[in-house]
Amino acid sequence: MKKNKIALQILSIGLIVLSFSACDDDFVSLESDLINSGVATNFDIDSDKYDVVAYTKALAPVQTNRLGLTTLGIYDDAYGRTTSSFVTQLTPITYNPTFGDEAKIDSVVVTLPYFSTATGIDDDGNITYTLDSVISKGENYNNIKLRIFENNYFIRDFDPSAGFNEEQAYYSDQTASSSETISTTALEGAELTFVDYDNDTGSIMTVVNNEIDINDKGYSLKDVNELDENGDKTLLLNQSPGIRIMLEPSFWEDKILAKEGDPVLSNLNNFTEYFRGLYFKAEAVNDDGSFLVLNTGSTNNANITIYYSKLTASTTDGADIRDNSTYVLNFGSNKINFLVNDFTLPIDNGDSDAGDSRIYLKGGQGAIAGIKLFDGYDDEAGMTKFDKFRNDFVNLNPEDDTFESSKRLVNEANLVFYVDRDQLDLLNEDPENEPNRLYLYDVPNKTPLIDYYLDVTNTALPSFSKIRHLGALQRVDDEPSSKGVKYKLKITEHINNLLLRDSTNVELGLAVSLNVNIEDPSVSFSQNKVQTVDDLDLTVPVSSILTPRGTILYGNNTPESDQSKRVYLEIYYTEPNY
C-alpha cells in the first residue's frame, strides 16, 4: 500500500493512533429489537425512500486559530493545490532566567513532531514508526521547503471591535476581519538560517538549505560531552519522527541571552509583546510536497530549545569549566494557519431551494453542504412534506399537534450519498485522496446529531469511531486503496426525535472530516467562524478545517441518466398488516 494512504487519525486534544476505516455493510436484512417478521405475523417490515435537498456551500475564509492542531505543507487533489503555513506565539517555560557568567549558545533546535505510532524495533535496535499525519503522493513522502521568520505581527487574544469581550478570530486568508489584513511584511521579519551539526567536533558546521526531509525515522539524541567506555557518545533520549531543525545561534544570542535581567523576560505579557513569535512558511520542492498535521500542542517535544553553556569555574592552569543548560520556548496556544488555495476546479454556491446535481465537499477554506429533509409542499396531500411524513408514521394530538401514538415503528434510517466517479476519474483523482469520513451535524445548533452521542463504537480509534452513525466510505471490493462508491450515514434516532419528541426539522450540514472525535463538544472545541457579511452565524466543523481532502457527490437535482445515484433517505419501518 502506498505510504500516502495514511489516514489522518488524530485523537481529540491531540492524541493519535494509526488505523484504517472499516466500511458499513449494505443493509441486507433488518432484525429490529422491537419486532420482526420472523417472530410475528401481524406486522410487516417495509421501507420507503424520501427525497433530500442537498446543495453546496462554498466557504469564505474560515477561522483557523484555536484549532488545537497545526497544519503545514502542500496538498494536491482534483480541486487543485492548497498550501498551508502558520504563525505561532512562543511561551517560555521559565521567566526571569539567570543564564550565568559568560553564557554562550551551543545550538538552537526547533522540533515539530508528527503524529506517529511506534511499531517495533529494527535489527539495529532503533524504534520503528508509522506516520499518522502525513499526506503525500506516490510511493514516498515528498519533501517541502520550510522558511522560518521572526513574526512582527501582534497576535491578540481578544477582539477590540467586540469590546475585548470575545476571543479574537483569525482567518485562513491572512486576516483578522474583512477589514484587517495581516501583512506579509509583518509576518516575514528576520529570516532564520538553517545550519547543520558536526557530530565529531560537537560544533555547528555549515549553513544548509531549507528542504525538509520527511520520513518515518525517529531521532536518537546523544551527548557529545559524555562518552561511554567505547568512546561513543552516550544516548540522551529517543524522539519520535518529526521536523527537527537546527538554527544559527546569533539571532537567539541577541533575542534571548542578551536580555537576562530585562523585564521582557519577566512575564508572559511582556514577552509576547517583545517577541511576537515565528512564522513557518511552506513552499513546494520541484512543484511537489506533502501535507502535515503537526502535534504543536505537545508540551514534551514540540518546542524551541536553546542549548547553552556557562562559566562555572577555572582550573589552576587557567582552563575554563563550563556547565551545560537549556532554555525552552513552547509553542503558544494562539497559532494561526494560513491557507492559500490555487484551485483549478472552482467551487460555487449551489441552489439552496431546488438543490444541486452535484455536491462539492472540500476541507479547509473549501466547501460544505446543506441537507434538507422533507423539504417543500406535497400538493397531492395538501400539506408540507414534513407534515405528510409525520402523519404517515404517528397519530398527532389535534389540539397541539404533538405526538400521541405510533402508526409505524422506525427501525433504521439512512442517508445515502453516492460518489461521482465520472467527475473524479475525469479529474484523475487518486482514490487515496478521497476522504474516508464525512461528518453530519445540526446547522443552527452547531452540534452533532443525537445518533452521534448514542453511537459508542470505539471512541479511541478515530477510523472506527461513530462508525454506525457516520459510516466510512465504501470502496470497490472493500479495499482501502480502491475507488470510493458511497457513504451511508445512519440517522435513526434523529428521525425518531422528529416523530416522537416533536424536534424541529432543522437543516443539516455535511463536511469532510479529519477525525470525527474532534466534533464532540463535551471534550473538544466548538465550530469555527466563517468570515461572511450575509450570514454572520455561519460556522464550519473544526475537523473539516483541519483536513485538505475533498470529494464530489451526487446531489438530488440530477439528470435522468443519473437518477440511480441521487442522494436519498431510506427508512425501514414496522407496521401492523391488518
Protein backbone atom coordinates (compact mmCIF):
# COMPACT_ATOMS: atom_id res chain seq x y z
CA MET A 1 0.00 0.00 0.00
CA LYS A 2 1.25 3.47 -0.76
CA LYS A 3 2.74 5.38 2.09
CA ASN A 4 0.39 8.23 1.29
CA LYS A 5 -2.55 6.08 2.30
CA ILE A 6 -2.19 7.23 5.84
CA ALA A 7 -5.49 8.33 7.23
CA LEU A 8 -5.21 11.41 9.39
CA GLN A 9 -6.03 9.63 12.61
CA ILE A 10 -5.78 12.23 15.28
CA LEU A 11 -7.48 11.76 18.61
CA SER A 12 -9.35 14.61 20.28
CA ILE A 13 -6.98 17.06 22.01
CA GLY A 14 -4.03 15.87 20.00
CA LEU A 15 -3.83 12.09 20.72
CA ILE A 16 -3.46 9.95 17.61
CA VAL A 17 -3.26 6.33 16.63
CA LEU A 18 -2.99 4.62 13.26
CA SER A 19 -5.83 2.65 11.81
CA PHE A 20 -7.86 2.27 8.66
CA SER A 21 -11.57 2.58 8.46
CA ALA A 22 -13.88 -0.37 8.03
CA CYS A 23 -16.95 0.01 5.89
CA ASP A 24 -20.51 -0.46 6.99
CA ASP A 25 -22.02 -3.33 5.03
CA ASP A 26 -25.05 -2.57 2.94
CA PHE A 27 -28.40 -3.30 4.52
CA VAL A 28 -29.37 -6.86 3.75
CA SER A 29 -31.91 -7.87 6.36
CA LEU A 30 -33.30 -5.87 9.22
CA GLU A 31 -33.70 -7.55 12.60
CA SER A 32 -35.42 -4.97 14.76
CA ASP A 33 -35.08 -5.30 18.51
CA LEU A 34 -38.73 -4.32 18.69
CA ILE A 35 -40.32 -6.74 16.28
CA ASN A 36 -39.53 -8.53 13.04
CA SER A 37 -41.22 -10.79 10.57
CA GLY A 38 -39.50 -13.86 11.96
CA VAL A 39 -41.35 -13.69 15.27
CA ALA A 40 -44.68 -12.13 14.35
CA THR A 41 -47.18 -12.48 11.56
CA ASN A 42 -49.33 -9.43 12.26
CA PHE A 43 -46.63 -6.97 11.33
CA ASP A 44 -44.82 -6.11 8.12
CA ILE A 45 -41.33 -4.71 7.69
CA ASP A 46 -41.11 -2.31 4.80
CA SER A 47 -39.07 0.64 3.59
CA ASP A 48 -39.62 3.91 1.77
CA LYS A 49 -37.22 6.30 0.08
CA TYR A 50 -37.59 10.04 0.53
CA ASP A 51 -36.27 12.94 -1.47
CA VAL A 52 -33.47 15.03 0.02
CA VAL A 53 -32.46 18.54 -0.96
CA ALA A 54 -28.67 18.85 -0.97
CA TYR A 55 -26.64 21.86 -2.10
CA THR A 56 -23.06 23.16 -1.98
CA LYS A 57 -21.99 25.97 0.34
CA ALA A 58 -18.73 27.47 -0.90
CA LEU A 59 -16.81 28.81 2.07
CA ALA A 60 -15.42 32.27 2.54
CA PRO A 61 -12.29 32.50 4.74
CA VAL A 62 -12.58 30.21 7.78
CA GLN A 63 -11.31 30.84 11.29
CA THR A 64 -8.02 28.99 11.72
CA ASN A 65 -6.84 29.90 15.21
CA ARG A 66 -7.81 27.90 18.29
CA LEU A 67 -7.81 24.69 16.24
CA GLY A 68 -5.77 22.63 18.71
CA LEU A 69 -3.71 21.16 15.87
CA THR A 70 -1.50 22.76 13.22
CA THR A 71 -1.15 22.03 9.51
CA LEU A 72 1.80 22.72 7.23
CA GLY A 73 2.69 21.86 3.66
CA ILE A 74 1.38 21.19 0.17
CA TYR A 75 -1.69 19.21 -0.93
CA ASP A 76 -2.86 18.48 -4.49
CA ASP A 77 -6.15 16.87 -5.49
CA ALA A 78 -8.95 17.19 -8.03
CA TYR A 79 -9.70 20.73 -6.86
CA GLY A 80 -6.15 22.00 -7.23
CA ARG A 81 -3.45 22.93 -4.72
CA THR A 82 -3.67 24.04 -1.09
CA THR A 83 -0.60 25.42 0.69
CA SER A 84 -0.70 25.68 4.47
CA SER A 85 1.62 27.84 6.60
CA PHE A 86 1.27 29.03 10.19
CA VAL A 87 2.32 31.67 12.68
CA THR A 88 2.64 30.95 16.38
CA GLN A 89 3.34 32.73 19.61
CA LEU A 90 6.10 31.36 21.85
CA THR A 91 5.86 30.76 25.59
CA PRO A 92 8.95 30.40 27.84
CA ILE A 93 8.72 27.64 30.41
CA THR A 94 10.51 29.86 32.95
CA TYR A 95 10.67 33.61 33.49
CA ASN A 96 13.39 35.86 34.90
CA PRO A 97 16.07 33.38 33.79
CA THR A 98 19.64 33.55 35.05
CA PHE A 99 21.86 32.30 32.27
CA GLY A 100 25.12 32.60 34.22
CA ASP A 101 28.54 34.05 33.56
CA GLU A 102 29.76 34.24 30.01
CA ALA A 103 26.75 32.30 28.74
CA LYS A 104 27.13 31.16 25.16
CA ILE A 105 24.72 29.29 22.89
CA ASP A 106 25.92 25.95 21.58
CA SER A 107 22.88 25.26 19.38
CA VAL A 108 19.20 26.09 18.87
CA VAL A 109 16.82 23.30 17.84
CA VAL A 110 13.22 23.56 16.58
CA THR A 111 11.15 20.40 16.99
CA LEU A 112 7.75 19.91 15.32
CA PRO A 113 6.61 16.33 16.00
CA TYR A 114 4.41 14.36 13.64
CA PHE A 115 1.63 12.18 14.95
CA SER A 116 3.12 8.70 14.82
CA THR A 117 2.83 5.22 16.27
CA ALA A 118 5.77 3.10 17.43
CA THR A 119 5.60 -0.30 15.73
CA GLY A 120 8.68 -2.19 16.88
CA ILE A 121 12.48 -2.37 16.96
CA ASP A 122 14.68 -2.89 13.89
CA ASP A 123 17.83 -5.01 13.64
CA ASP A 124 19.99 -2.07 14.78
CA GLY A 125 17.94 -1.53 17.91
CA ASN A 126 16.17 1.57 16.61
CA ILE A 127 12.47 2.17 17.25
CA THR A 128 10.38 1.95 14.08
CA TYR A 129 7.31 4.09 13.46
CA THR A 130 4.39 4.59 11.14
CA LEU A 131 3.28 8.15 10.45
CA ASP A 132 -0.35 9.01 11.05
CA SER A 133 -0.48 12.60 9.88
CA VAL A 134 1.42 12.95 6.61
CA ILE A 135 -0.44 13.04 3.29
CA SER A 136 1.72 12.63 0.23
CA LYS A 137 1.55 11.37 -3.34
CA GLY A 138 3.37 8.38 -4.75
CA GLU A 139 5.32 5.66 -3.03
CA ASN A 140 7.46 8.01 -0.93
CA TYR A 141 6.88 11.09 1.15
CA ASN A 142 7.56 14.28 -0.78
CA ASN A 143 9.76 16.89 0.84
CA ILE A 144 8.76 20.50 1.39
CA LYS A 145 10.76 23.69 1.68
CA LEU A 146 10.34 25.46 5.01
CA ARG A 147 11.28 29.05 5.76
CA ILE A 148 11.10 30.44 9.31
CA PHE A 149 10.77 34.16 10.04
CA GLU A 150 10.52 36.29 13.14
CA ASN A 151 6.90 37.42 13.29
CA ASN A 152 6.33 41.11 13.92
CA TYR A 153 2.52 40.99 13.95
CA PHE A 154 0.99 41.13 17.44
CA ILE A 155 -1.46 38.25 17.87
CA ARG A 156 -4.32 39.41 20.09
CA ASP A 157 -6.22 37.18 22.49
CA PHE A 158 -9.40 39.29 22.44
CA ASP A 159 -11.26 41.24 19.77
CA PRO A 160 -11.14 45.03 20.30
CA SER A 161 -14.13 45.53 17.96
CA ALA A 162 -16.21 43.47 20.41
CA GLY A 163 -15.06 45.46 23.43
CA PHE A 164 -12.48 42.77 24.29
CA ASN A 165 -15.35 40.53 25.44
CA GLU A 166 -14.86 37.94 22.68
CA GLU A 167 -11.84 35.95 21.62
CA GLN A 168 -10.12 37.29 18.53
CA ALA A 169 -10.79 35.21 15.42
CA TYR A 170 -8.10 34.94 12.75
CA TYR A 171 -8.84 33.61 9.28
CA SER A 172 -7.35 31.39 6.62
CA ASP A 173 -6.81 34.25 4.16
CA GLN A 174 -4.33 36.04 6.46
CA THR A 175 -6.86 38.42 8.00
CA ALA A 176 -8.31 39.28 11.40
CA SER A 177 -11.55 40.56 9.85
CA SER A 178 -12.87 41.64 6.48
CA SER A 179 -11.19 44.99 7.07
CA GLU A 180 -7.94 43.96 8.79
CA THR A 181 -5.27 42.19 6.77
CA ILE A 182 -2.14 40.71 8.32
CA SER A 183 0.59 41.98 6.04
CA THR A 184 3.22 39.61 4.70
CA THR A 185 5.80 42.23 5.64
CA ALA A 186 4.80 41.92 9.29
CA LEU A 187 4.88 38.13 9.18
CA GLU A 188 8.17 37.88 7.35
CA GLY A 189 10.58 39.69 9.65
CA ALA A 190 14.15 38.49 10.05
CA GLU A 191 14.59 35.12 8.33
CA LEU A 192 16.32 32.49 10.43
CA THR A 193 19.18 30.47 8.98
CA PHE A 194 19.24 26.67 9.00
CA VAL A 195 22.57 25.07 9.96
CA ASP A 196 23.95 21.58 10.39
CA TYR A 197 25.87 19.95 13.23
CA ASP A 198 29.25 18.22 13.15
CA ASN A 199 28.81 15.10 15.25
CA ASP A 200 32.56 14.58 15.50
CA THR A 201 33.57 18.02 16.75
CA GLY A 202 30.33 18.84 18.55
CA SER A 203 30.10 22.22 16.85
CA ILE A 204 27.95 23.90 14.22
CA MET A 205 29.41 23.05 10.85
CA THR A 206 27.72 24.81 7.95
CA VAL A 207 24.67 26.58 6.62
CA VAL A 208 22.22 24.20 4.91
CA ASN A 209 19.24 24.59 2.62
CA ASN A 210 15.67 24.71 3.87
CA GLU A 211 14.42 21.44 2.39
CA ILE A 212 12.72 19.23 4.97
CA ASP A 213 13.34 15.52 4.53
CA ILE A 214 10.01 13.95 5.52
CA ASN A 215 10.45 10.38 6.71
CA ASP A 216 9.27 7.93 9.37
CA LYS A 217 12.56 7.69 11.26
CA GLY A 218 12.92 8.85 14.84
CA TYR A 219 15.85 10.70 16.36
CA SER A 220 18.46 9.39 18.77
CA LEU A 221 19.81 12.37 20.69
CA LYS A 222 23.32 11.86 22.05
CA ASP A 223 25.56 13.79 24.45
CA VAL A 224 28.71 14.95 22.67
CA ASN A 225 30.31 15.79 26.01
CA GLU A 226 29.79 12.39 27.62
CA LEU A 227 31.39 9.31 26.09
CA ASP A 228 30.87 5.70 27.13
CA GLU A 229 33.59 3.15 27.74
CA ASN A 230 33.90 2.54 23.99
CA GLY A 231 34.38 6.23 23.29
CA ASP A 232 30.90 6.61 21.76
CA LYS A 233 28.58 9.45 22.62
CA THR A 234 26.02 8.45 25.25
CA LEU A 235 22.32 8.28 24.40
CA LEU A 236 20.24 11.01 26.00
CA LEU A 237 16.81 10.08 24.63
CA ASN A 238 14.88 8.87 21.61
CA GLN A 239 12.42 11.18 19.90
CA SER A 240 9.58 10.18 17.61
CA PRO A 241 9.56 11.34 13.95
CA GLY A 242 9.07 14.98 13.19
CA ILE A 243 10.68 18.09 11.79
CA ARG A 244 13.89 18.79 13.66
CA ILE A 245 15.82 21.89 12.58
CA MET A 246 18.99 23.49 13.91
CA LEU A 247 19.11 27.28 13.68
CA GLU A 248 22.09 29.63 13.56
CA PRO A 249 22.59 30.91 17.17
CA SER A 250 23.37 34.62 16.75
CA PHE A 251 19.68 35.66 16.48
CA TRP A 252 18.95 33.90 19.78
CA GLU A 253 22.05 35.31 21.48
CA ASP A 254 20.69 38.80 20.88
CA LYS A 255 16.99 37.99 21.32
CA ILE A 256 17.15 35.90 24.50
CA LEU A 257 20.52 35.59 26.25
CA ALA A 258 21.36 39.27 25.96
CA LYS A 259 18.07 40.12 27.71
CA GLU A 260 18.94 38.48 31.04
CA GLY A 261 17.51 40.69 33.79
CA ASP A 262 15.38 42.67 31.34
CA PRO A 263 11.63 42.99 32.07
CA VAL A 264 10.85 41.49 28.64
CA LEU A 265 11.70 38.06 30.07
CA SER A 266 9.87 38.61 33.35
CA ASN A 267 6.31 37.55 32.40
CA LEU A 268 4.19 36.33 29.51
CA ASN A 269 2.60 39.67 28.63
CA ASN A 270 5.95 41.41 28.36
CA PHE A 271 7.45 38.52 26.43
CA THR A 272 4.66 38.23 23.81
CA GLU A 273 4.84 41.98 23.21
CA TYR A 274 8.64 41.81 22.86
CA PHE A 275 8.93 38.57 20.86
CA ARG A 276 5.78 38.07 18.81
CA GLY A 277 6.56 34.57 17.65
CA LEU A 278 7.63 32.78 14.49
CA TYR A 279 6.12 32.36 11.05
CA PHE A 280 6.56 28.95 9.39
CA LYS A 281 6.11 29.26 5.63
CA ALA A 282 5.78 26.14 3.44
CA GLU A 283 6.85 26.01 -0.19
CA ALA A 284 6.90 23.25 -2.81
CA VAL A 285 10.03 21.32 -3.81
CA ASN A 286 10.15 20.58 -7.55
CA ASP A 287 6.48 21.58 -7.68
CA ASP A 288 5.53 18.89 -5.19
CA GLY A 289 5.18 18.37 -1.46
CA SER A 290 3.39 16.74 1.46
CA PHE A 291 0.69 17.97 3.82
CA LEU A 292 1.45 17.59 7.53
CA VAL A 293 -0.71 17.69 10.65
CA LEU A 294 1.67 18.63 13.45
CA ASN A 295 1.45 17.97 17.16
CA THR A 296 2.48 21.50 18.14
CA GLY A 297 0.40 21.28 21.30
CA SER A 298 2.72 18.70 22.84
CA THR A 299 4.49 20.07 25.93
CA ASN A 300 7.09 17.30 25.83
CA ASN A 301 8.81 17.63 22.48
CA ALA A 302 7.19 20.45 20.48
CA ASN A 303 9.36 23.45 21.24
CA ILE A 304 12.41 25.54 20.55
CA THR A 305 15.30 24.52 22.78
CA ILE A 306 18.29 26.78 23.29
CA TYR A 307 21.31 24.75 24.36
CA TYR A 308 23.92 26.93 26.06
CA SER A 309 26.90 26.71 28.39
CA LYS A 310 28.01 28.99 31.21
CA LEU A 311 31.27 29.52 33.04
CA THR A 312 31.26 27.93 36.49
CA ALA A 313 34.94 27.76 37.49
CA SER A 314 38.52 27.82 36.28
CA THR A 315 41.26 25.27 36.92
CA THR A 316 44.67 26.17 38.34
CA ASP A 317 46.14 26.18 34.85
CA GLY A 318 43.53 28.69 33.66
CA ALA A 319 41.22 26.33 31.78
CA ASP A 320 37.52 27.17 31.95
CA ILE A 321 34.99 24.79 33.44
CA ARG A 322 31.58 25.24 31.86
CA ASP A 323 28.22 23.69 32.64
CA ASN A 324 25.58 22.96 30.04
CA SER A 325 21.97 24.10 30.35
CA THR A 326 18.84 24.72 28.26
CA TYR A 327 16.19 27.39 27.87
CA VAL A 328 12.94 26.14 26.32
CA LEU A 329 10.24 28.03 24.43
CA ASN A 330 6.98 26.16 23.85
CA PHE A 331 4.60 26.98 21.03
CA GLY A 332 1.88 29.24 22.39
CA SER A 333 -1.80 28.42 22.50
CA ASN A 334 -2.56 31.02 19.82
CA LYS A 335 -1.46 29.59 16.48
CA ILE A 336 -2.96 30.66 13.15
CA ASN A 337 -2.98 28.65 9.95
CA PHE A 338 -2.98 30.43 6.60
CA LEU A 339 -4.33 28.54 3.58
CA VAL A 340 -3.58 29.51 0.01
CA ASN A 341 -5.92 27.83 -2.48
CA ASP A 342 -4.87 27.61 -6.13
CA PHE A 343 -7.95 25.81 -7.41
CA THR A 344 -8.33 24.62 -11.00
CA LEU A 345 -11.84 23.38 -10.15
CA PRO A 346 -13.71 26.42 -8.80
CA ILE A 347 -16.41 25.95 -6.17
CA ASP A 348 -19.62 27.96 -6.42
CA ASN A 349 -22.60 28.24 -4.12
CA GLY A 350 -25.41 25.88 -5.01
CA ASP A 351 -29.18 26.22 -5.16
CA SER A 352 -30.50 26.12 -1.60
CA ASP A 353 -34.11 25.80 -2.79
CA ALA A 354 -34.01 23.18 -5.56
CA GLY A 355 -30.74 21.52 -4.61
CA ASP A 356 -27.78 20.66 -6.84
CA SER A 357 -26.93 17.90 -9.27
CA ARG A 358 -23.50 17.60 -7.63
CA ILE A 359 -22.30 18.31 -4.09
CA TYR A 360 -18.76 19.65 -3.83
CA LEU A 361 -17.07 19.00 -0.50
CA LYS A 362 -13.61 20.29 0.32
CA GLY A 363 -11.77 20.77 3.62
CA GLY A 364 -10.08 23.95 4.80
CA GLN A 365 -11.38 27.05 3.03
CA GLY A 366 -13.33 24.84 0.66
CA ALA A 367 -16.99 23.81 0.77
CA ILE A 368 -19.57 22.09 2.92
CA ALA A 369 -23.13 21.05 2.03
CA GLY A 370 -26.60 21.91 3.27
CA ILE A 371 -29.00 18.98 3.66
CA LYS A 372 -32.78 19.42 3.93
CA LEU A 373 -35.08 16.54 4.84
CA PHE A 374 -38.82 16.55 3.96
CA ASP A 375 -38.49 19.95 2.34
CA GLY A 376 -41.30 21.54 0.36
CA TYR A 377 -45.02 21.04 -0.14
CA ASP A 378 -46.94 17.90 -1.10
CA ASP A 379 -49.68 19.09 -3.46
CA GLU A 380 -51.49 15.76 -3.52
CA ALA A 381 -51.71 15.55 0.27
CA GLY A 382 -52.38 19.26 0.64
CA MET A 383 -49.73 19.71 3.33
CA THR A 384 -45.99 20.11 3.74
CA LYS A 385 -43.86 17.05 3.06
CA PHE A 386 -42.77 17.06 6.69
CA ASP A 387 -46.37 17.01 7.91
CA LYS A 388 -47.16 14.25 5.42
CA PHE A 389 -44.24 12.21 6.74
CA ARG A 390 -45.38 12.66 10.34
CA ASN A 391 -48.97 11.74 9.51
CA ASP A 392 -47.78 8.53 7.88
CA PHE A 393 -45.88 7.45 10.98
CA VAL A 394 -47.66 8.84 14.04
CA ASN A 395 -51.01 9.96 15.36
CA LEU A 396 -50.93 13.58 16.46
CA ASN A 397 -52.84 15.30 19.19
CA PRO A 398 -55.32 17.53 17.32
CA GLU A 399 -55.09 20.26 19.95
CA ASP A 400 -51.35 20.94 19.90
CA ASP A 401 -50.07 18.78 17.02
CA THR A 402 -47.80 16.74 19.33
CA PHE A 403 -47.09 13.02 19.30
CA GLU A 404 -49.88 10.83 20.63
CA SER A 405 -49.21 7.29 19.33
CA SER A 406 -47.30 5.43 16.62
CA LYS A 407 -48.65 4.05 13.38
CA ARG A 408 -45.26 2.76 12.26
CA LEU A 409 -42.09 1.98 14.20
CA VAL A 410 -38.88 3.30 12.66
CA ASN A 411 -36.24 0.58 12.74
CA GLU A 412 -33.49 2.23 10.75
CA ALA A 413 -32.98 5.39 8.72
CA ASN A 414 -30.02 6.04 6.42
CA LEU A 415 -28.86 8.95 4.32
CA VAL A 416 -27.03 7.59 1.27
CA PHE A 417 -24.61 9.65 -0.83
CA TYR A 418 -23.00 8.24 -3.98
CA VAL A 419 -19.56 9.36 -5.12
CA ASP A 420 -19.45 10.95 -8.57
CA ARG A 421 -16.88 8.60 -10.04
CA ASP A 422 -17.20 10.08 -13.53
CA GLN A 423 -16.03 13.52 -12.42
CA LEU A 424 -13.33 12.26 -10.08
CA ASP A 425 -11.96 9.89 -12.71
CA LEU A 426 -12.05 12.64 -15.34
CA LEU A 427 -10.02 14.82 -12.98
CA ASN A 428 -7.57 11.93 -12.38
CA GLU A 429 -8.24 11.95 -8.67
CA ASP A 430 -6.16 9.46 -6.70
CA PRO A 431 -8.62 7.23 -4.77
CA GLU A 432 -6.34 7.54 -1.75
CA ASN A 433 -7.15 11.26 -1.70
CA GLU A 434 -10.85 10.56 -1.16
CA PRO A 435 -11.96 11.39 2.40
CA ASN A 436 -12.70 8.29 4.41
CA ARG A 437 -15.18 10.00 6.72
CA LEU A 438 -17.88 12.64 6.46
CA TYR A 439 -19.45 14.49 9.38
CA LEU A 440 -23.19 15.23 9.56
CA TYR A 441 -24.42 17.86 12.01
CA ASP A 442 -27.19 20.17 13.16
CA VAL A 443 -26.50 23.50 11.41
CA PRO A 444 -28.41 26.06 13.55
CA ASN A 445 -27.33 24.47 16.85
CA LYS A 446 -23.77 23.69 15.65
CA THR A 447 -23.88 20.27 17.30
CA PRO A 448 -23.74 16.59 16.30
CA LEU A 449 -26.98 14.70 15.83
CA ILE A 450 -28.37 12.55 18.65
CA ASP A 451 -27.11 9.47 16.77
CA TYR A 452 -23.53 10.72 17.26
CA TYR A 453 -23.88 10.61 21.04
CA LEU A 454 -25.63 7.25 21.07
CA ASP A 455 -23.03 5.59 18.86
CA VAL A 456 -20.49 4.13 21.30
CA THR A 457 -18.43 2.27 18.69
CA ASN A 458 -14.78 2.70 19.59
CA THR A 459 -14.12 6.25 20.73
CA ALA A 460 -10.34 5.69 20.90
CA LEU A 461 -9.59 4.78 17.29
CA PRO A 462 -10.83 7.57 15.00
CA SER A 463 -11.14 5.25 12.00
CA PHE A 464 -13.68 3.16 13.85
CA SER A 465 -15.30 5.86 15.98
CA LYS A 466 -19.00 6.55 15.38
CA ILE A 467 -18.88 4.06 12.51
CA ARG A 468 -22.54 3.05 12.84
CA HIS A 469 -23.74 6.61 12.58
CA LEU A 470 -21.10 8.09 10.26
CA GLY A 471 -20.35 5.15 8.02
CA ALA A 472 -16.93 5.17 6.36
CA LEU A 473 -16.50 5.50 2.61
CA GLN A 474 -17.48 2.21 0.99
CA ARG A 475 -14.91 1.34 -1.65
CA VAL A 476 -14.76 -1.12 -4.52
CA ASP A 477 -14.13 -4.64 -3.13
CA ASP A 478 -13.70 -3.08 0.33
CA GLU A 479 -10.05 -2.39 -0.48
CA PRO A 480 -8.63 0.67 1.37
CA SER A 481 -6.89 1.95 -1.79
CA SER A 482 -9.82 1.30 -4.15
CA LYS A 483 -12.14 3.91 -5.62
CA GLY A 484 -14.93 5.20 -3.44
CA VAL A 485 -18.54 4.21 -4.11
CA LYS A 486 -20.81 5.71 -1.45
CA TYR A 487 -21.32 6.87 2.12
CA LYS A 488 -24.16 5.63 4.32
CA LEU A 489 -24.96 7.77 7.35
CA LYS A 490 -27.38 6.30 9.88
CA ILE A 491 -29.76 8.85 11.44
CA THR A 492 -32.37 6.61 13.04
CA GLU A 493 -32.62 8.49 16.32
CA HIS A 494 -32.69 11.85 14.60
CA ILE A 495 -35.76 10.67 12.65
CA ASN A 496 -37.33 9.29 15.83
CA ASN A 497 -36.76 12.64 17.51
CA LEU A 498 -38.68 14.32 14.70
CA LEU A 499 -41.57 11.90 15.10
CA LEU A 500 -41.77 11.14 18.79
CA ARG A 501 -40.30 14.17 20.50
CA ASP A 502 -41.51 16.96 18.24
CA SER A 503 -37.97 18.07 17.44
CA THR A 504 -37.51 20.82 14.87
CA ASN A 505 -36.73 19.65 11.37
CA VAL A 506 -33.51 21.68 11.14
CA GLU A 507 -31.21 21.92 8.16
CA LEU A 508 -28.25 19.54 8.41
CA GLY A 509 -24.68 20.18 7.38
CA LEU A 510 -22.27 17.77 5.70
CA ALA A 511 -18.50 18.17 5.70
CA VAL A 512 -15.35 16.15 5.18
CA SER A 513 -13.69 15.23 8.46
CA LEU A 514 -10.14 14.76 9.66
CA ASN A 515 -11.34 12.99 12.80
CA VAL A 516 -14.98 12.71 13.86
CA ASN A 517 -13.99 12.55 17.55
CA ILE A 518 -12.93 16.17 17.46
CA GLU A 519 -16.52 17.27 16.95
CA ASP A 520 -17.76 16.13 20.36
CA PRO A 521 -18.38 19.47 22.15
CA SER A 522 -18.16 17.81 25.56
CA VAL A 523 -14.47 17.01 25.12
CA SER A 524 -13.27 19.41 22.47
CA PHE A 525 -13.94 22.80 20.96
CA SER A 526 -16.88 24.33 19.14
CA GLN A 527 -17.14 25.03 15.46
CA ASN A 528 -15.16 27.92 13.99
CA LYS A 529 -16.48 31.03 12.27
CA VAL A 530 -16.74 31.77 8.57
CA GLN A 531 -15.97 35.35 7.51
CA THR A 532 -19.14 36.37 5.69
CA VAL A 533 -21.21 39.54 5.57
CA ASP A 534 -24.55 37.94 4.69
CA ASP A 535 -24.57 35.05 7.21
CA LEU A 536 -22.82 36.15 10.38
CA ASP A 537 -23.83 32.96 12.18
CA LEU A 538 -22.27 30.54 9.67
CA THR A 539 -19.68 28.21 11.16
CA VAL A 540 -17.78 25.16 9.98
CA PRO A 541 -16.72 22.00 11.86
CA VAL A 542 -13.15 22.11 13.14
CA SER A 543 -12.34 18.66 11.75
CA SER A 544 -13.24 19.95 8.27
CA ILE A 545 -10.92 22.96 8.57
CA LEU A 546 -8.02 20.69 9.51
CA THR A 547 -8.25 18.34 6.53
CA PRO A 548 -7.33 19.28 2.95
CA ARG A 549 -9.26 16.37 1.45
CA GLY A 550 -12.24 16.76 -0.85
CA THR A 551 -14.72 14.79 -2.92
CA ILE A 552 -17.67 15.17 -5.31
CA LEU A 553 -21.02 13.53 -4.55
CA TYR A 554 -24.24 13.22 -6.48
CA GLY A 555 -26.93 15.61 -5.25
CA ASN A 556 -30.69 15.44 -5.62
CA ASN A 557 -31.21 17.50 -8.76
CA THR A 558 -29.54 15.01 -11.07
CA PRO A 559 -30.35 14.39 -14.74
CA GLU A 560 -32.40 11.34 -15.69
CA SER A 561 -29.29 9.34 -16.59
CA ASP A 562 -28.00 9.67 -13.00
CA GLN A 563 -31.27 9.06 -11.13
CA SER A 564 -29.98 5.85 -9.55
CA LYS A 565 -27.13 7.78 -7.90
CA ARG A 566 -29.07 10.70 -6.46
CA VAL A 567 -28.93 11.21 -2.70
CA TYR A 568 -31.84 9.74 -0.76
CA LEU A 569 -33.15 8.99 2.71
CA GLU A 570 -34.32 5.41 3.22
CA ILE A 571 -36.40 4.48 6.25
CA TYR A 572 -37.06 0.89 7.29
CA TYR A 573 -40.12 0.53 9.47
CA THR A 574 -42.54 -1.94 11.04
CA GLU A 575 -46.33 -1.52 10.83
CA PRO A 576 -49.38 -3.69 11.52
CA ASN A 577 -50.64 -5.64 8.50
CA TYR A 578 -54.31 -5.60 9.49
